[in-house]
């Protein structure tokens, strides 16, 4: 009997004991969350996958077959063990190559969501992912936001719990609605003043001193912004903290955990 933590297999017996072949080409979604897989060797990867979820496994290198899944729209590697030493050589990949540096993603032109939280990634490189709409790199080892500049379709960015000291490379991301850079090392807010569609801004647990800096940095989205998190910054201790933010952002609906009717 197949254990609960075994990955799916290509064929299964029917009630008469006959082997039933599964048409892998018809499978577009594969969820292997929490199988604790050290590798993907026992797994058949359907060629037409749109959604591949490998969250919470023990993967330390990328399976080269993933490079051929050019129809992928959503790809998740959250909570694995990727690092430099274990990554396969970048030169052996045609498309998705070393996760640590995220290079050679050009063939994944349909990819819209990429979830890479809780790994050991140090550098962002999303060049060529013109359709990407959501990117999560939470809880990695990033010190810079450089690498997102050409992803003009981005609507949501999640970069919390890294070591980022400056918001940068965002000026061209005019479709951005959600930006989460909480729990980093920011002292100011830069490079987002031209963004006019920003609705949610998470800046909590940083080192931002001034609410005036927030007003200037988010000037393009003053009318649009509905949610802002700034708690656990020095500026959150400012007199009339909530009142000042309401004045800066007239349509604000939530400040930190406080939701307004």
Protein backbone atom coordinates (compact mmCIF):
# COMPACT_ATOMS: atom_id res chain seq x y z
CA UNK A 1 0.00 0.00 0.00
CA UNK A 2 1.31 3.43 -0.88
CA UNK A 3 2.26 5.46 2.18
CA UNK A 4 0.88 8.94 2.72
CA UNK A 5 4.28 10.50 2.12
CA UNK A 6 5.06 8.70 -1.14
CA UNK A 7 5.01 10.86 -4.26
CA UNK A 8 2.47 10.12 -6.98
CA UNK A 9 3.37 7.38 -9.46
CA UNK A 10 2.58 7.10 -13.13
CA UNK A 11 0.36 4.03 -13.04
CA UNK A 12 -2.07 2.48 -10.51
CA UNK A 13 -4.01 -0.81 -10.44
CA UNK A 14 -7.76 -0.66 -10.95
CA UNK A 15 -10.29 -2.75 -8.98
CA UNK A 16 -9.59 -5.82 -11.13
CA UNK A 17 -5.88 -5.64 -10.47
CA UNK A 18 -5.14 -4.37 -13.95
CA UNK A 19 -2.59 -1.61 -14.39
CA UNK A 20 -4.13 1.67 -15.45
CA UNK A 21 -1.84 3.96 -17.39
CA UNK A 22 -2.20 7.65 -16.57
CA UNK A 23 -1.94 10.07 -19.46
CA UNK A 24 0.71 12.42 -18.10
CA UNK A 25 0.20 14.88 -20.92
CA UNK A 26 -3.25 15.70 -19.53
CA UNK A 27 -1.94 16.66 -16.07
CA UNK A 28 -1.38 20.39 -15.63
CA UNK A 29 -1.01 20.68 -11.83
CA UNK A 30 1.25 18.73 -9.47
CA UNK A 31 1.35 19.34 -5.70
CA UNK A 32 4.22 17.62 -3.88
CA UNK A 33 4.04 19.72 -0.73
CA UNK A 34 5.53 18.16 2.43
CA UNK A 35 6.64 14.87 0.88
CA UNK A 36 10.12 15.48 2.35
CA UNK A 37 11.68 14.50 -0.96
CA UNK A 38 15.49 14.71 -1.13
CA UNK A 39 15.22 14.71 -4.94
CA UNK A 40 12.65 14.21 -7.69
CA UNK A 41 14.06 10.95 -9.04
CA UNK A 42 10.96 8.86 -8.17
CA UNK A 43 8.58 11.44 -9.64
CA UNK A 44 7.29 11.59 -13.19
CA UNK A 45 6.99 15.23 -14.25
CA UNK A 46 4.09 15.70 -16.69
CA UNK A 47 5.34 17.67 -19.71
CA UNK A 48 2.43 20.13 -19.77
CA UNK A 49 2.55 21.26 -16.16
CA UNK A 50 1.21 24.72 -15.47
CA UNK A 51 1.50 24.58 -11.66
CA UNK A 52 4.31 22.76 -9.82
CA UNK A 53 4.41 23.01 -6.01
CA UNK A 54 7.48 21.57 -4.28
CA UNK A 55 7.03 23.39 -0.98
CA UNK A 56 8.49 21.87 2.21
CA UNK A 57 10.76 19.16 0.90
CA UNK A 58 14.46 18.46 1.32
CA UNK A 59 15.55 19.41 -2.19
CA UNK A 60 19.10 20.71 -2.44
CA UNK A 61 19.43 20.79 -6.22
CA UNK A 62 17.11 21.38 -9.13
CA UNK A 63 15.97 18.51 -11.31
CA UNK A 64 17.11 19.24 -14.87
CA UNK A 65 13.72 18.15 -16.23
CA UNK A 66 12.12 21.30 -14.82
CA UNK A 67 14.01 23.26 -17.45
CA UNK A 68 11.78 21.69 -20.11
CA UNK A 69 8.47 22.66 -18.49
CA UNK A 70 8.01 25.76 -20.60
CA UNK A 71 4.26 26.00 -19.88
CA UNK A 72 4.75 26.64 -16.18
CA UNK A 73 2.74 29.53 -14.78
CA UNK A 74 3.25 28.90 -11.07
CA UNK A 75 6.37 27.36 -9.53
CA UNK A 76 6.99 27.01 -5.79
CA UNK A 77 10.22 25.93 -4.07
CA UNK A 78 9.43 27.33 -0.62
CA UNK A 79 11.12 25.75 2.40
CA UNK A 80 13.81 23.63 0.78
CA UNK A 81 17.59 23.40 1.12
CA UNK A 82 18.98 25.17 -1.93
CA UNK A 83 22.49 26.62 -1.66
CA UNK A 84 25.53 27.29 -3.84
CA UNK A 85 27.41 24.10 -3.10
CA UNK A 86 24.56 21.79 -4.05
CA UNK A 87 23.26 23.54 -7.15
CA UNK A 88 23.88 21.88 -10.48
CA UNK A 89 26.20 23.84 -12.80
CA UNK A 90 24.36 26.69 -14.51
CA UNK A 91 25.92 25.76 -17.84
CA UNK A 92 23.96 22.49 -17.92
CA UNK A 93 20.61 24.27 -18.01
CA UNK A 94 18.81 25.69 -21.01
CA UNK A 95 16.21 27.65 -19.06
CA UNK A 96 15.70 27.42 -15.31
CA UNK A 97 19.27 27.23 -14.00
CA UNK A 98 20.86 27.62 -10.53
CA UNK A 99 18.29 28.75 -7.99
CA UNK A 100 20.90 30.50 -5.85
CA UNK A 101 21.51 33.11 -8.51
CA UNK A 102 18.28 32.64 -10.49
CA UNK A 103 19.86 32.92 -13.92
CA UNK A 104 18.74 31.79 -17.37
CA UNK A 105 14.98 31.96 -16.84
CA UNK A 106 14.34 33.36 -20.31
CA UNK A 107 12.47 30.31 -21.64
CA UNK A 108 9.80 30.56 -18.96
CA UNK A 109 7.85 33.24 -20.79
CA UNK A 110 4.47 32.04 -19.40
CA UNK A 111 5.49 31.97 -15.75
CA UNK A 112 3.26 34.27 -13.69
CA UNK A 113 3.96 33.20 -10.09
CA UNK A 114 7.29 32.22 -8.55
CA UNK A 115 7.46 31.26 -4.87
CA UNK A 116 10.97 30.81 -3.48
CA UNK A 117 10.60 31.67 0.20
CA UNK A 118 12.77 30.09 2.91
CA UNK A 119 15.76 29.08 0.84
CA UNK A 120 19.28 30.49 0.75
CA UNK A 121 19.06 32.80 -2.25
CA UNK A 122 21.41 35.79 -2.27
CA UNK A 123 20.85 37.42 -5.68
CA UNK A 124 17.71 38.22 -7.70
CA UNK A 125 17.86 37.73 -11.46
CA UNK A 126 14.50 37.61 -13.21
CA UNK A 127 15.63 38.90 -16.60
CA UNK A 128 13.32 37.58 -19.30
CA UNK A 129 10.30 36.88 -17.11
CA UNK A 130 8.13 39.50 -18.77
CA UNK A 131 4.85 37.86 -17.67
CA UNK A 132 5.69 37.32 -13.99
CA UNK A 133 3.01 38.87 -11.76
CA UNK A 134 3.88 37.54 -8.30
CA UNK A 135 7.31 36.88 -6.82
CA UNK A 136 8.02 35.70 -3.28
CA UNK A 137 11.58 35.59 -1.94
CA UNK A 138 10.75 35.85 1.74
CA UNK A 139 13.23 34.55 4.32
CA UNK A 140 16.27 34.27 2.08
CA UNK A 141 19.68 35.98 2.18
CA UNK A 142 19.05 38.96 -0.07
CA UNK A 143 20.83 42.24 0.59
CA UNK A 144 19.63 44.01 -2.58
CA UNK A 145 16.43 44.32 -4.61
CA UNK A 146 18.30 44.74 -7.89
CA UNK A 147 17.11 42.22 -10.48
CA UNK A 148 13.41 43.08 -10.71
CA UNK A 149 13.74 46.07 -13.04
CA UNK A 150 12.58 44.44 -16.29
CA UNK A 151 9.60 42.57 -14.83
CA UNK A 152 7.08 45.20 -15.87
CA UNK A 153 4.04 42.97 -15.29
CA UNK A 154 4.78 42.52 -11.58
CA UNK A 155 1.78 43.20 -9.35
CA UNK A 156 2.92 41.65 -6.06
CA UNK A 157 6.41 41.45 -4.51
CA UNK A 158 7.14 39.69 -1.21
CA UNK A 159 10.67 40.19 0.15
CA UNK A 160 10.20 40.14 3.92
CA UNK A 161 12.79 38.73 6.32
CA UNK A 162 15.94 39.42 4.33
CA UNK A 163 18.82 41.86 4.79
CA UNK A 164 17.74 44.54 2.30
CA UNK A 165 18.94 48.05 3.17
CA UNK A 166 17.42 50.02 0.28
CA UNK A 167 14.32 49.91 -1.91
CA UNK A 168 15.58 50.12 -5.49
CA UNK A 169 14.92 48.91 -9.02
CA UNK A 170 11.18 49.54 -8.78
CA UNK A 171 10.63 52.71 -10.83
CA UNK A 172 9.44 50.86 -13.94
CA UNK A 173 7.08 48.50 -12.11
CA UNK A 174 4.01 50.62 -12.78
CA UNK A 175 1.58 47.73 -12.22
CA UNK A 176 2.75 47.04 -8.68
CA UNK A 177 -0.12 46.79 -6.16
CA UNK A 178 1.50 44.98 -3.22
CA UNK A 179 5.01 45.51 -1.86
CA UNK A 180 6.17 43.63 1.24
CA UNK A 181 9.66 44.55 2.44
CA UNK A 182 8.96 44.10 6.13
CA UNK A 183 11.64 42.79 8.50
CA UNK A 184 14.62 44.13 6.58
CA UNK A 185 17.15 46.91 7.23
CA UNK A 186 15.49 49.86 5.51
CA UNK A 187 16.11 53.36 6.82
CA UNK A 188 14.11 55.15 4.12
CA UNK A 189 11.72 54.51 1.23
CA UNK A 190 13.08 55.15 -2.26
CA UNK A 191 12.35 54.39 -5.89
CA UNK A 192 8.57 53.98 -5.56
CA UNK A 193 7.43 57.60 -5.77
CA UNK A 194 6.33 57.14 -9.40
CA UNK A 195 4.16 54.11 -8.66
CA UNK A 196 0.48 55.06 -8.80
CA UNK A 197 -1.27 51.71 -8.25
CA UNK A 198 0.25 50.70 -4.92
CA UNK A 199 -2.48 49.55 -2.51
CA UNK A 200 -0.64 47.52 0.16
CA UNK A 201 2.75 48.56 1.57
CA UNK A 202 4.44 46.51 4.28
CA UNK A 203 7.39 48.31 5.90
CA UNK A 204 7.11 47.09 9.48
CA UNK A 205 10.15 45.94 11.44
CA UNK A 206 12.68 48.16 9.69
CA UNK A 207 14.67 51.24 10.75
CA UNK A 208 12.65 54.07 9.20
CA UNK A 209 12.87 57.26 11.25
CA UNK A 210 10.53 59.74 9.60
CA UNK A 211 6.89 59.81 8.53
CA UNK A 212 7.80 62.71 6.24
CA UNK A 213 10.10 60.32 4.40
CA UNK A 214 7.16 57.97 3.92
CA UNK A 215 5.01 60.80 2.57
CA UNK A 216 7.63 61.74 0.01
CA UNK A 217 8.61 58.20 -0.92
CA UNK A 218 5.04 57.03 -1.56
CA UNK A 219 3.81 60.28 -3.10
CA UNK A 220 2.56 58.64 -6.31
CA UNK A 221 0.20 56.32 -4.45
CA UNK A 222 -1.14 58.69 -1.79
CA UNK A 223 -4.70 58.44 -3.13
CA UNK A 224 -4.54 54.72 -3.92
CA UNK A 225 -2.91 53.26 -0.80
CA UNK A 226 -5.35 51.48 1.53
CA UNK A 227 -3.04 49.45 3.79
CA UNK A 228 0.29 50.33 5.38
CA UNK A 229 2.34 48.53 8.03
CA UNK A 230 4.97 50.60 9.84
CA UNK A 231 4.97 49.15 13.35
CA UNK A 232 8.33 48.44 14.97
CA UNK A 233 10.00 51.33 13.17
CA UNK A 234 11.23 54.44 15.02
CA UNK A 235 8.68 56.51 13.08
CA UNK A 236 5.84 54.48 14.60
CA UNK A 237 6.59 56.25 17.90
CA UNK A 238 5.86 59.64 16.37
CA UNK A 239 3.20 61.79 18.07
CA UNK A 240 -0.18 61.51 16.35
CA UNK A 241 1.12 58.54 14.35
CA UNK A 242 -2.27 57.35 13.05
CA UNK A 243 -3.60 60.85 12.45
CA UNK A 244 -0.53 61.81 10.45
CA UNK A 245 -0.77 58.72 8.25
CA UNK A 246 -4.48 59.34 7.65
CA UNK A 247 -3.62 62.84 6.54
CA UNK A 248 -0.90 61.60 4.19
CA UNK A 249 -3.08 58.79 2.78
CA UNK A 250 -6.70 60.02 2.67
CA UNK A 251 -8.13 56.64 1.60
CA UNK A 252 -6.23 54.50 4.09
CA UNK A 253 -8.29 51.64 5.54
CA UNK A 254 -5.69 49.86 7.66
CA UNK A 255 -2.65 51.01 9.65
CA UNK A 256 -0.72 48.10 11.09
CA UNK A 257 -3.28 45.77 12.69
CA UNK A 258 -5.91 48.50 13.10
CA UNK A 259 -8.67 48.39 10.51
CA UNK A 260 -10.92 51.42 10.07
CA UNK A 261 -14.60 51.20 9.23
